[in-house]
Protein backbone atom coordinates (compact mmCIF):
# COMPACT_ATOMS: atom_id res chain seq x y z
CA MET A 1 -85.64 80.51 -48.43
CA GLU A 2 -88.55 78.29 -48.82
CA LYS A 3 -89.91 76.65 -45.58
CA ALA A 4 -88.93 73.74 -45.84
CA LYS A 5 -86.73 71.14 -44.72
CA ILE A 6 -85.56 67.30 -46.46
CA SER A 7 -83.84 64.35 -45.33
CA GLY A 8 -80.29 63.11 -45.44
CA ILE A 9 -81.98 60.13 -48.08
CA GLN A 10 -83.51 62.76 -50.10
CA LEU A 11 -80.62 64.60 -50.70
CA PHE A 12 -78.34 62.07 -51.19
CA ALA A 13 -80.81 61.07 -53.88
CA LEU A 14 -80.79 64.52 -55.45
CA MET A 15 -76.83 64.33 -55.00
CA PHE A 16 -76.54 61.06 -56.87
CA ILE A 17 -78.53 61.62 -59.73
CA PHE A 18 -78.03 64.65 -60.31
CA GLU A 19 -73.89 63.70 -61.20
CA LEU A 20 -74.64 60.84 -62.92
CA GLY A 21 -76.90 63.23 -65.17
CA THR A 22 -76.04 63.29 -69.14
CA ALA A 23 -72.41 61.98 -68.14
CA LEU A 24 -73.68 58.94 -68.09
CA VAL A 25 -74.35 59.05 -71.47
CA VAL A 26 -72.32 61.06 -73.54
CA SER A 27 -68.77 60.21 -74.26
CA TYR A 28 -67.47 61.14 -70.73
CA GLY A 29 -63.51 61.16 -71.48
CA ARG A 30 -63.25 60.33 -74.11
CA ASP A 31 -59.85 62.49 -74.90
CA ALA A 32 -58.16 60.12 -72.36
CA GLY A 33 -59.04 56.58 -74.60
CA LYS A 34 -58.89 53.83 -73.16
CA ASP A 35 -57.38 55.21 -69.95
CA ALA A 36 -61.20 57.60 -69.46
CA TRP A 37 -62.03 55.40 -66.38
CA LEU A 38 -58.68 56.43 -64.72
CA SER A 39 -59.34 60.10 -65.75
CA ILE A 40 -62.48 59.88 -64.20
CA LEU A 41 -60.97 58.70 -60.98
CA LEU A 42 -58.81 61.08 -61.13
CA ALA A 43 -60.73 64.09 -61.54
CA MET A 44 -63.81 62.10 -58.41
CA SER A 45 -60.42 62.80 -56.10
CA GLY A 46 -60.38 66.28 -57.35
CA GLY A 47 -63.88 67.26 -56.87
CA VAL A 48 -63.87 65.51 -53.19
CA ILE A 49 -61.71 68.55 -52.29
CA LEU A 50 -63.40 71.26 -54.15
CA SER A 51 -66.71 69.66 -51.76
CA PHE A 52 -64.18 70.64 -49.58
CA ILE A 53 -64.36 74.26 -50.06
CA TYR A 54 -68.27 74.18 -50.76
CA LEU A 55 -68.88 72.94 -47.40
CA LEU A 56 -66.62 75.32 -45.69
CA LEU A 57 -67.87 78.33 -47.16
CA SER A 58 -71.44 76.98 -46.31
CA HIS A 59 -70.59 75.86 -42.73
CA GLN A 60 -69.03 79.33 -42.70
CA HIS A 61 -72.03 80.73 -42.89
CA PRO A 62 -75.08 78.61 -41.84
CA ASN A 63 -78.91 79.00 -43.24
CA LEU A 64 -77.62 81.01 -46.23
CA LEU A 65 -77.57 79.81 -49.60
CA LEU A 66 -74.60 80.68 -52.16
CA THR A 67 -76.39 84.20 -53.01
CA GLY A 68 -76.76 85.54 -49.45
CA TYR A 69 -73.07 84.02 -48.37
CA ILE A 70 -71.58 85.79 -51.53
CA ARG A 71 -72.88 89.37 -50.56
CA GLU A 72 -71.41 89.05 -46.76
CA ILE A 73 -67.68 87.69 -48.66
CA LEU A 74 -67.93 90.25 -51.54
CA GLY A 75 -69.77 92.69 -50.19
CA LYS A 76 -73.20 93.87 -50.93
CA TYR A 77 -72.59 95.45 -54.34
CA LEU A 78 -70.03 93.09 -56.03
CA GLY A 79 -71.77 90.10 -54.26
CA TRP A 80 -75.10 91.13 -55.43
CA ILE A 81 -73.94 90.87 -59.28
CA MET A 82 -72.52 87.67 -58.53
CA GLY A 83 -75.32 86.34 -57.08
CA LEU A 84 -76.87 87.14 -59.77
CA LEU A 85 -74.19 85.77 -62.22
CA TYR A 86 -74.73 82.29 -60.60
CA CYS A 87 -78.06 81.86 -61.24
CA VAL A 88 -78.18 82.87 -65.09
CA TYR A 89 -75.48 80.06 -65.34
CA PHE A 90 -77.42 78.03 -63.38
CA LEU A 91 -80.22 78.48 -65.98
CA TYR A 92 -77.85 78.34 -69.28
CA ILE A 93 -76.61 74.81 -67.88
CA CYS A 94 -80.36 73.87 -67.22
CA GLY A 95 -81.11 74.47 -70.70
CA ARG A 96 -78.50 72.76 -71.75
CA ASN A 97 -79.17 69.68 -70.17
CA VAL A 98 -82.81 69.86 -71.54
CA ARG A 99 -81.52 70.26 -75.08
CA GLU A 100 -78.59 66.73 -74.41
CA PHE A 101 -81.92 64.96 -73.58
CA GLY A 102 -84.15 65.88 -76.43
CA ASP A 103 -81.10 65.18 -78.80
CA LEU A 104 -80.95 61.71 -77.08
CA LEU A 105 -84.92 60.87 -77.75
CA ILE A 106 -84.72 62.24 -81.41
CA SER A 107 -81.91 60.30 -82.21
CA SER A 108 -82.58 56.95 -80.57
CA THR A 109 -86.93 56.64 -80.19
CA LEU A 110 -89.23 59.97 -81.79
CA GLN A 111 -87.20 60.76 -84.99
CA GLU A 112 -89.97 62.49 -86.08
CA THR A 113 -90.73 64.11 -82.92
CA PRO A 114 -89.53 67.73 -83.07
CA LEU A 115 -87.73 68.95 -80.39
CA VAL A 116 -89.53 71.69 -79.53
CA VAL A 117 -92.23 69.78 -78.37
CA ILE A 118 -89.65 67.20 -76.15
CA ASN A 119 -88.55 70.28 -74.40
CA ILE A 120 -91.94 71.76 -73.53
CA THR A 121 -93.16 68.60 -71.92
CA LEU A 122 -89.85 68.58 -69.87
CA VAL A 123 -89.92 71.75 -68.81
CA LEU A 124 -93.51 72.10 -67.67
CA VAL A 125 -94.11 68.22 -65.90
CA MET A 126 -90.13 70.22 -64.00
CA CYS A 127 -92.05 73.60 -63.14
CA TYR A 128 -94.40 71.54 -61.99
CA VAL A 129 -92.83 69.75 -59.27
CA ILE A 130 -90.40 72.46 -58.58
CA HIS A 131 -93.87 74.47 -57.61
CA LEU A 132 -94.72 71.83 -55.28
CA GLY A 133 -91.48 72.75 -53.45
CA VAL A 134 -88.14 71.14 -52.36
CA GLU A 135 -89.66 68.81 -50.11
CA VAL A 136 -91.56 67.20 -52.47
CA VAL A 137 -88.35 67.23 -54.94
CA GLY A 138 -86.58 65.35 -52.95
CA ARG A 139 -88.93 62.83 -51.94
CA THR A 140 -89.33 61.86 -55.63
CA ALA A 141 -86.06 61.59 -56.23
CA GLU A 142 -85.74 59.46 -53.17
CA VAL A 143 -88.93 56.88 -55.01
CA PHE A 144 -86.74 57.15 -58.55
CA ILE A 145 -82.98 56.61 -56.98
CA VAL A 146 -84.50 52.82 -56.66
CA ILE A 147 -86.06 53.12 -60.10
CA LEU A 148 -82.20 53.71 -61.13
CA VAL A 149 -80.44 51.74 -59.32
CA LEU A 150 -82.53 48.57 -60.58
CA LEU A 151 -81.95 50.10 -64.37
CA GLY A 152 -78.36 50.21 -63.75
CA ILE A 153 -77.59 46.44 -62.32
CA SER A 154 -80.15 45.36 -65.38
CA GLY A 155 -78.28 46.92 -67.85
CA SER A 156 -74.99 46.07 -66.66
CA PHE A 157 -76.07 42.30 -66.13
CA PHE A 158 -77.18 42.16 -69.63
CA VAL A 159 -74.09 43.66 -71.35
CA LEU A 160 -71.90 41.57 -68.97
CA ILE A 161 -73.55 37.81 -70.20
CA SER A 162 -73.92 39.28 -73.68
CA GLY A 163 -70.37 38.08 -74.95
CA ASP A 164 -68.91 41.63 -76.13
CA VAL A 165 -67.37 42.42 -73.02
CA GLU A 166 -63.60 42.17 -73.92
CA PHE A 167 -61.64 43.11 -71.12
CA HIS A 168 -58.30 43.50 -72.91
CA ARG A 169 -59.68 46.85 -74.78
CA ILE A 170 -58.40 48.11 -71.38
CA LEU A 171 -54.98 47.01 -71.78
CA PRO A 172 -52.24 48.52 -71.56
CA VAL A 173 -53.51 51.10 -69.13
CA LEU A 174 -51.28 53.71 -69.48
CA GLU A 175 -50.47 53.43 -72.91
CA GLN A 176 -50.26 57.22 -73.86
CA GLY A 177 -48.17 57.90 -70.70
CA TRP A 178 -50.02 60.43 -68.05
CA LYS A 179 -50.30 63.47 -70.09
CA PRO A 180 -53.47 62.77 -71.77
CA ILE A 181 -55.23 61.27 -68.57
CA LEU A 182 -54.57 64.80 -66.77
CA THR A 183 -55.56 66.80 -69.79
CA THR A 184 -58.79 64.88 -69.68
CA ALA A 185 -59.13 64.59 -65.94
CA PHE A 186 -58.27 68.57 -65.56
CA PRO A 187 -60.16 71.00 -65.35
CA HIS A 188 -63.02 68.69 -67.86
CA LEU A 189 -63.72 66.20 -65.93
CA LEU A 190 -62.61 68.34 -62.66
CA ILE A 191 -65.90 70.43 -63.21
CA PHE A 192 -68.01 68.35 -65.06
CA PRO A 193 -70.03 66.35 -63.25
CA PHE A 194 -67.93 67.06 -59.88
CA GLY A 195 -67.29 70.67 -60.11
CA GLU A 196 -71.21 70.93 -61.16
CA MET A 197 -71.76 70.52 -57.73
CA ILE A 198 -71.74 73.87 -56.31
CA VAL A 199 -75.13 74.57 -56.46
CA PHE A 200 -76.01 72.12 -54.23
CA THR A 201 -75.08 75.21 -51.55
CA MET A 202 -78.61 76.51 -52.88
CA ILE A 203 -80.24 73.44 -51.49
CA VAL A 204 -78.07 72.10 -48.53
CA PRO A 205 -79.65 74.74 -45.91
CA TYR A 206 -82.87 72.97 -46.27
CA LEU A 207 -81.59 69.25 -45.12
CA ASN A 208 -83.26 69.06 -41.31
CA ARG A 209 -79.51 67.35 -39.96
CA PRO A 210 -76.84 69.74 -41.11
CA GLN A 211 -74.24 68.43 -39.49
CA PHE A 212 -75.16 64.93 -41.62
CA ALA A 213 -74.04 67.42 -44.65
CA LYS A 214 -70.39 66.42 -45.20
CA ARG A 215 -71.23 62.67 -44.86
CA VAL A 216 -74.28 62.84 -47.42
CA TRP A 217 -72.31 65.15 -50.01
CA LEU A 218 -68.73 63.12 -49.97
CA THR A 219 -70.98 59.51 -50.07
CA ALA A 220 -72.85 60.56 -53.34
CA LEU A 221 -70.61 62.64 -55.12
CA ILE A 222 -67.98 59.05 -54.56
CA SER A 223 -70.65 56.61 -54.90
CA SER A 224 -71.50 58.66 -58.82
CA GLY A 225 -68.20 58.58 -59.55
CA LEU A 226 -67.24 54.97 -59.24
CA ILE A 227 -70.36 54.61 -62.12
CA LEU A 228 -69.19 56.65 -63.96
CA CYS A 229 -65.81 55.01 -63.68
CA TRP A 230 -67.52 51.66 -64.03
CA THR A 231 -69.27 52.96 -67.51
CA ALA A 232 -66.78 53.75 -69.54
CA LEU A 233 -65.20 50.35 -68.56
CA LEU A 234 -67.89 49.14 -70.07
CA ASN A 235 -68.05 51.02 -72.58
CA ILE A 236 -64.49 50.89 -74.12
CA SER A 237 -64.98 46.90 -73.13
CA VAL A 238 -67.83 46.62 -75.18
CA LEU A 239 -66.90 49.22 -78.75
CA GLY A 240 -63.12 49.46 -77.96
CA ALA A 241 -61.66 53.27 -76.94
CA ALA A 242 -61.48 54.68 -81.04
CA MET A 243 -65.37 53.22 -81.66
CA MET A 244 -66.62 55.11 -78.00
CA LYS A 245 -64.26 58.35 -79.35
CA LYS A 246 -66.17 58.77 -82.33
CA SER A 247 -69.46 57.63 -81.10
CA THR A 248 -71.78 60.37 -79.48
CA PHE A 249 -74.08 57.74 -76.93
CA PRO A 250 -71.35 55.14 -76.20
CA THR A 251 -73.96 54.03 -73.78
CA LEU A 252 -76.87 53.70 -76.02
CA THR A 253 -74.49 52.17 -78.22
CA ALA A 254 -73.01 49.43 -76.16
CA VAL A 255 -76.55 48.80 -74.26
CA GLY A 256 -77.62 48.57 -77.77
CA LYS A 257 -75.48 45.62 -78.90
CA VAL A 258 -77.29 43.27 -76.32
CA ASN A 259 -79.15 40.65 -78.12
CA LEU A 260 -79.81 36.84 -76.08
CA PHE A 261 -81.54 34.23 -77.45
CA GLU A 262 -83.15 36.43 -80.19
CA PHE A 263 -85.09 37.46 -78.11
CA ILE A 264 -83.32 39.78 -75.31
CA GLU A 265 -82.67 43.46 -77.45
CA ARG A 266 -83.92 46.39 -78.00
CA LEU A 267 -82.26 47.48 -74.57
CA ASP A 268 -81.63 51.20 -75.26
CA ALA A 269 -84.60 51.74 -74.15
CA ILE A 270 -82.81 51.15 -70.83
CA VAL A 271 -80.36 53.57 -71.58
CA VAL A 272 -83.34 56.27 -72.64
CA PHE A 273 -85.37 56.30 -69.72
CA THR A 274 -82.00 56.30 -67.28
CA LEU A 275 -81.06 59.42 -69.12
CA LEU A 276 -85.55 60.94 -68.46
CA ILE A 277 -84.48 60.07 -64.52
CA THR A 278 -81.03 61.72 -64.32
CA VAL A 279 -81.61 64.88 -66.49
CA PHE A 280 -85.03 65.29 -65.60
CA PHE A 281 -83.52 65.71 -61.10
CA LYS A 282 -80.44 67.40 -62.91
CA ALA A 283 -81.94 70.51 -64.49
CA SER A 284 -85.21 70.50 -61.78
CA VAL A 285 -81.98 71.31 -59.24
CA TYR A 286 -80.47 73.79 -61.24
CA LEU A 287 -83.91 75.68 -62.39
CA TYR A 288 -85.09 75.55 -58.90
CA SER A 289 -81.67 77.03 -57.57
CA ALA A 290 -81.82 79.52 -59.51
CA ILE A 291 -85.37 80.98 -59.72
CA VAL A 292 -85.03 80.99 -55.83
CA GLY A 293 -81.49 82.85 -55.75
CA ILE A 294 -82.78 84.83 -58.10
CA ALA A 295 -85.72 85.26 -56.05
CA GLU A 296 -83.97 86.31 -52.89
CA LEU A 297 -81.50 88.76 -54.87
CA PHE A 298 -84.97 90.88 -55.88
CA LYS A 299 -86.79 89.96 -53.05
CA VAL A 300 -89.47 88.24 -54.28
CA ASN A 301 -91.88 86.63 -51.66
CA THR A 302 -92.32 83.73 -52.99
CA TYR A 303 -90.81 82.07 -56.08
CA HIS A 304 -93.95 80.49 -57.37
CA HIS A 305 -94.36 84.22 -59.79
CA ILE A 306 -91.24 83.37 -61.37
CA LEU A 307 -90.99 80.28 -61.80
CA LEU A 308 -92.97 80.16 -65.37
CA PRO A 309 -91.30 83.14 -66.96
CA ILE A 310 -88.22 81.43 -65.65
CA GLY A 311 -89.17 78.35 -67.39
CA THR A 312 -90.07 79.50 -70.75
CA ILE A 313 -86.66 81.29 -70.75
CA VAL A 314 -85.45 77.56 -70.09
CA ILE A 315 -87.07 76.18 -72.91
CA PHE A 316 -86.01 79.32 -75.38
CA LEU A 317 -81.94 78.68 -73.81
CA SER A 318 -82.79 75.11 -74.58
CA LEU A 319 -83.82 75.48 -78.79
CA THR A 320 -81.49 78.65 -80.03
CA MET A 321 -77.89 78.00 -77.74
CA ALA A 322 -76.82 75.61 -81.01
CA SER A 323 -77.79 74.47 -84.47
CA SER A 324 -77.00 70.65 -83.37
CA PHE A 325 -75.75 68.29 -81.11
CA SER A 326 -72.17 68.28 -82.25
CA GLU A 327 -72.14 72.30 -82.23
CA GLN A 328 -73.44 72.34 -78.80
CA MET A 329 -70.67 69.34 -77.63
CA GLU A 330 -67.91 71.52 -79.07
CA GLU A 331 -69.30 74.39 -77.39
CA GLY A 332 -69.84 73.48 -73.83
CA PHE A 333 -66.47 71.36 -74.08
CA LEU A 334 -64.92 75.44 -74.33
CA ILE A 335 -67.25 76.84 -71.55
CA GLU A 336 -66.20 74.22 -69.45
CA GLU A 337 -62.75 74.94 -69.73
CA SER A 338 -62.71 78.53 -69.07
CA ILE A 339 -66.59 80.22 -67.63
CA SER A 340 -67.29 76.60 -65.58
CA PHE A 341 -64.16 76.64 -64.15
CA VAL A 342 -63.64 80.11 -62.79
CA MET A 343 -67.30 79.70 -61.70
CA PHE A 344 -66.44 76.57 -59.62
CA ALA A 345 -63.66 76.37 -58.67
CA ILE A 346 -61.71 79.91 -58.55
CA ILE A 347 -64.89 82.49 -57.64
CA PRO A 348 -65.57 79.61 -54.89
CA LEU A 349 -61.71 78.89 -53.88
CA PHE A 350 -61.18 82.91 -53.55
CA MET A 351 -63.83 83.17 -51.37
CA LEU A 352 -63.13 80.88 -49.10
CA ILE A 353 -59.31 82.31 -48.67
CA VAL A 354 -61.49 85.89 -48.25
CA SER A 355 -62.75 84.36 -45.79
CA ILE A 356 -60.91 82.78 -43.73
CA SER A 357 -58.58 86.01 -43.97
CA ARG A 358 -61.56 88.04 -42.53
CA GLN A 359 -62.49 86.04 -39.95
CA TYR A 360 -58.35 85.57 -38.34
CA PHE A 361 -57.78 89.18 -38.40
CA LYS A 362 -61.22 89.58 -36.74
CA LYS A 363 -60.03 87.12 -33.71
CA ARG A 364 -56.59 88.95 -33.76
CA LEU A 365 -58.18 92.71 -33.41
CA ASN A 366 -60.13 91.06 -30.66
């Protein structure tokens, strides 16, 4: 582990920005139609349950990263393999986030810029900040969360006064019943982004006051979930459920419709800058967690030696994982329903059962 400490506010900033990530911009919960906001609330409730699993595991193994206590629970060899699989999967999701940012930037503002240039630039900046350590990442998030909140308030305000918002478009509630809401919330919205919080089991041990971990974790999860719910409500109210389903980036489309006094327009830049902040920190958290985990598993003295080579792998993944954005989204949906659900829900639950059972029988024997 790196010898560093972060404050509760810094951890909250990282978690809050991480949870918003690309979910703030992509067609999040669109399969539930006009009840997408309700699916998000249900998924958030499930995310709270998952968070208690992650927190219990961390509490039972203080000062250990996920890659450390997974070996204590599953055994030296199986635990090592599973720890490596988690690190590889973190790298894959990091590459997905970098790719999604590049695709949005090209489709909205930099149409003539090659994808490889955008991805390389983003990953190099991420590597630089990570090289400085987790404390610098936390302090940077502490600054940018203020900018992110101001951007969010400004964007919502301009959309609300633009005259494009028609809240009756979210009615009637439960028009198609509970089935599409539940099938959208579980497992898709549960895993993305709430289940992804498992990556913070690689960062929570750095918290300077461990007793605040649960409070910070749940506050960040619930507040970001409510913002995602509000964003979905706003998108449906501006675009309608049918248009939101067809739109690749509904938030970008909704904000782009604002035109006040023939003067305040082209506010889609707010969305692009917001995504730059959220993706930068989300991908950085994934990259940092993967690198620290790999360094621990392979007993590398310092993760700085492997930072740039692994950053190069992320660039390669982001460029080759799909031929188009639509193909990547389809692939991501299938992965979240299969691999991600196992990695972020089934395996942690199994580890918790094994850990509790082992402690119980140990007490009985004593």
